[in-house]
């Protein structure tokens, strides 16, 4: 009987740990923490980044540096997923409101499925429009 209780308690935990982490929530978490190194690990080999109107296509390393420069000026404090599109198996999109030391920014993230793994292919950081 004791073995049955252990089975009932621990088997669901095993399957819950096997559920893949939500890539959009993870991206928001990395933005909130200002963790450019781990965030860059989720980037495509080349990524289009727009930061406050400056648009360019970067390699992973260049993109990491561009974000680090932004985070030096605007230290992240919060990140809230405002909108997400996850209905397509090859593409996901999210709008994340990034709260920083210099105000809030609307951050748009496009992710493409590359060999079964979602990679950030585009990241836009814009001043949040007043409501």
Protein backbone atom coordinates (compact mmCIF):
# COMPACT_ATOMS: atom_id res chain seq x y z
CA UNK A 1 0.00 0.00 0.00
CA UNK A 2 2.85 2.37 0.85
CA UNK A 3 4.37 1.74 -2.58
CA UNK A 4 1.06 2.62 -4.21
CA UNK A 5 0.99 5.98 -2.39
CA UNK A 6 4.53 6.76 -3.51
CA UNK A 7 3.64 5.86 -7.08
CA UNK A 8 0.54 8.09 -7.04
CA UNK A 9 2.49 11.00 -5.55
CA UNK A 10 5.71 10.91 -7.58
CA UNK A 11 4.69 9.76 -11.07
CA UNK A 12 2.71 12.98 -11.79
CA UNK A 13 5.74 15.01 -10.69
CA UNK A 14 7.89 13.16 -13.21
CA UNK A 15 5.53 13.98 -16.06
CA UNK A 16 5.16 17.60 -14.94
CA UNK A 17 8.93 18.05 -15.07
CA UNK A 18 8.91 16.68 -18.62
CA UNK A 19 6.58 19.47 -19.82
CA UNK A 20 8.63 21.91 -21.90
CA UNK A 21 9.04 25.40 -20.52
CA UNK A 22 7.03 28.11 -22.27
CA UNK A 23 9.50 29.98 -24.50
CA UNK A 24 7.61 33.28 -24.26
CA UNK A 25 7.51 33.21 -20.45
CA UNK A 26 11.20 32.32 -20.41
CA UNK A 27 12.02 35.22 -22.75
CA UNK A 28 10.06 37.62 -20.52
CA UNK A 29 11.92 36.29 -17.47
CA UNK A 30 15.31 36.82 -19.17
CA UNK A 31 14.33 40.35 -20.22
CA UNK A 32 13.20 41.16 -16.68
CA UNK A 33 16.53 39.95 -15.31
CA UNK A 34 18.52 41.79 -17.98
CA UNK A 35 20.28 38.51 -18.67
CA UNK A 36 21.67 39.26 -22.12
CA UNK A 37 23.96 36.23 -22.22
CA UNK A 38 21.19 33.66 -21.69
CA UNK A 39 18.83 35.66 -23.88
CA UNK A 40 21.39 35.67 -26.72
CA UNK A 41 21.54 31.87 -26.44
CA UNK A 42 17.90 31.82 -27.64
CA UNK A 43 18.61 33.99 -30.71
CA UNK A 44 18.72 32.80 -34.30
CA UNK A 45 22.15 32.91 -35.95
CA UNK A 46 21.18 36.36 -37.24
CA UNK A 47 18.52 38.46 -35.57
CA UNK A 48 16.78 41.69 -36.47
CA UNK A 49 16.82 44.07 -33.52
CA UNK A 50 15.17 47.46 -33.27
CA UNK A 51 15.95 49.48 -30.16
CA UNK A 52 14.17 52.84 -29.94
CA UNK A 53 14.01 53.25 -33.70
CA UNK A 54 17.52 52.00 -34.51
CA UNK A 55 17.13 48.90 -36.65
CA UNK A 56 19.84 46.44 -37.67
CA UNK A 57 20.48 42.76 -38.33
CA UNK A 58 23.01 41.36 -35.88
CA UNK A 59 24.90 38.17 -35.14
CA UNK A 60 24.28 36.63 -31.70
CA UNK A 61 27.33 38.36 -30.20
CA UNK A 62 26.48 41.76 -31.68
CA UNK A 63 22.86 41.44 -30.56
CA UNK A 64 23.95 40.55 -27.04
CA UNK A 65 26.12 43.68 -26.92
CA UNK A 66 23.35 45.92 -28.31
CA UNK A 67 20.96 44.67 -25.60
CA UNK A 68 23.62 45.02 -22.89
CA UNK A 69 24.09 48.66 -23.92
CA UNK A 70 20.34 49.25 -23.69
CA UNK A 71 20.13 47.55 -20.28
CA UNK A 72 22.99 49.72 -18.96
CA UNK A 73 20.90 52.81 -19.77
CA UNK A 74 17.56 51.29 -18.77
CA UNK A 75 17.89 48.72 -16.01
CA UNK A 76 15.02 46.20 -16.26
CA UNK A 77 12.71 45.89 -13.27
CA UNK A 78 9.67 44.01 -14.53
CA UNK A 79 8.29 42.19 -17.55
CA UNK A 80 4.66 41.40 -18.23
CA UNK A 81 3.44 39.39 -21.21
CA UNK A 82 0.67 41.53 -22.66
CA UNK A 83 -0.17 39.45 -25.73
CA UNK A 84 0.93 36.14 -27.22
CA UNK A 85 0.31 34.17 -30.40
CA UNK A 86 1.18 30.50 -30.06
CA UNK A 87 -1.31 28.80 -32.37
CA UNK A 88 1.21 28.16 -35.16
CA UNK A 89 3.70 25.30 -34.67
CA UNK A 90 6.36 27.17 -36.68
CA UNK A 91 5.98 30.70 -35.33
CA UNK A 92 5.26 32.45 -32.04
CA UNK A 93 4.90 36.12 -31.23
CA UNK A 94 4.66 38.08 -28.00
CA UNK A 95 4.27 41.63 -26.78
CA UNK A 96 5.98 42.14 -23.44
CA UNK A 97 5.81 45.35 -21.41
CA UNK A 98 9.31 45.84 -20.01
CA UNK A 99 9.47 48.10 -16.97
CA UNK A 100 12.86 49.76 -16.52
CA UNK A 101 14.54 52.43 -14.44
CA UNK A 102 13.73 54.90 -17.27
CA UNK A 103 10.10 53.95 -17.87
CA UNK A 104 8.15 51.26 -19.69
CA UNK A 105 8.92 49.84 -23.11
CA UNK A 106 6.80 47.78 -25.48
CA UNK A 107 8.92 44.80 -26.48
CA UNK A 108 7.84 42.65 -29.42
CA UNK A 109 9.42 39.24 -29.86
CA UNK A 110 9.10 36.98 -32.92
CA UNK A 111 10.19 33.36 -32.59
CA UNK A 112 10.64 30.78 -35.33
CA UNK A 113 10.77 27.02 -34.92
CA UNK A 114 14.18 25.81 -36.12
CA UNK A 115 14.64 22.03 -35.92
CA UNK A 116 12.07 21.70 -33.12
CA UNK A 117 13.40 24.59 -31.03
CA UNK A 118 12.02 28.14 -30.99
CA UNK A 119 14.62 30.84 -31.62
CA UNK A 120 14.18 34.59 -31.37
CA UNK A 121 14.37 35.96 -34.91
CA UNK A 122 13.25 39.53 -34.23
CA UNK A 123 13.22 41.76 -31.14
CA UNK A 124 11.82 45.29 -31.06
CA UNK A 125 12.00 47.62 -28.07
CA UNK A 126 9.87 50.75 -28.41
CA UNK A 127 8.80 53.46 -26.01
CA UNK A 128 5.40 52.53 -24.64
CA UNK A 129 2.71 54.80 -26.01
CA UNK A 130 0.72 56.74 -23.44
CA UNK A 131 -2.77 55.42 -22.85
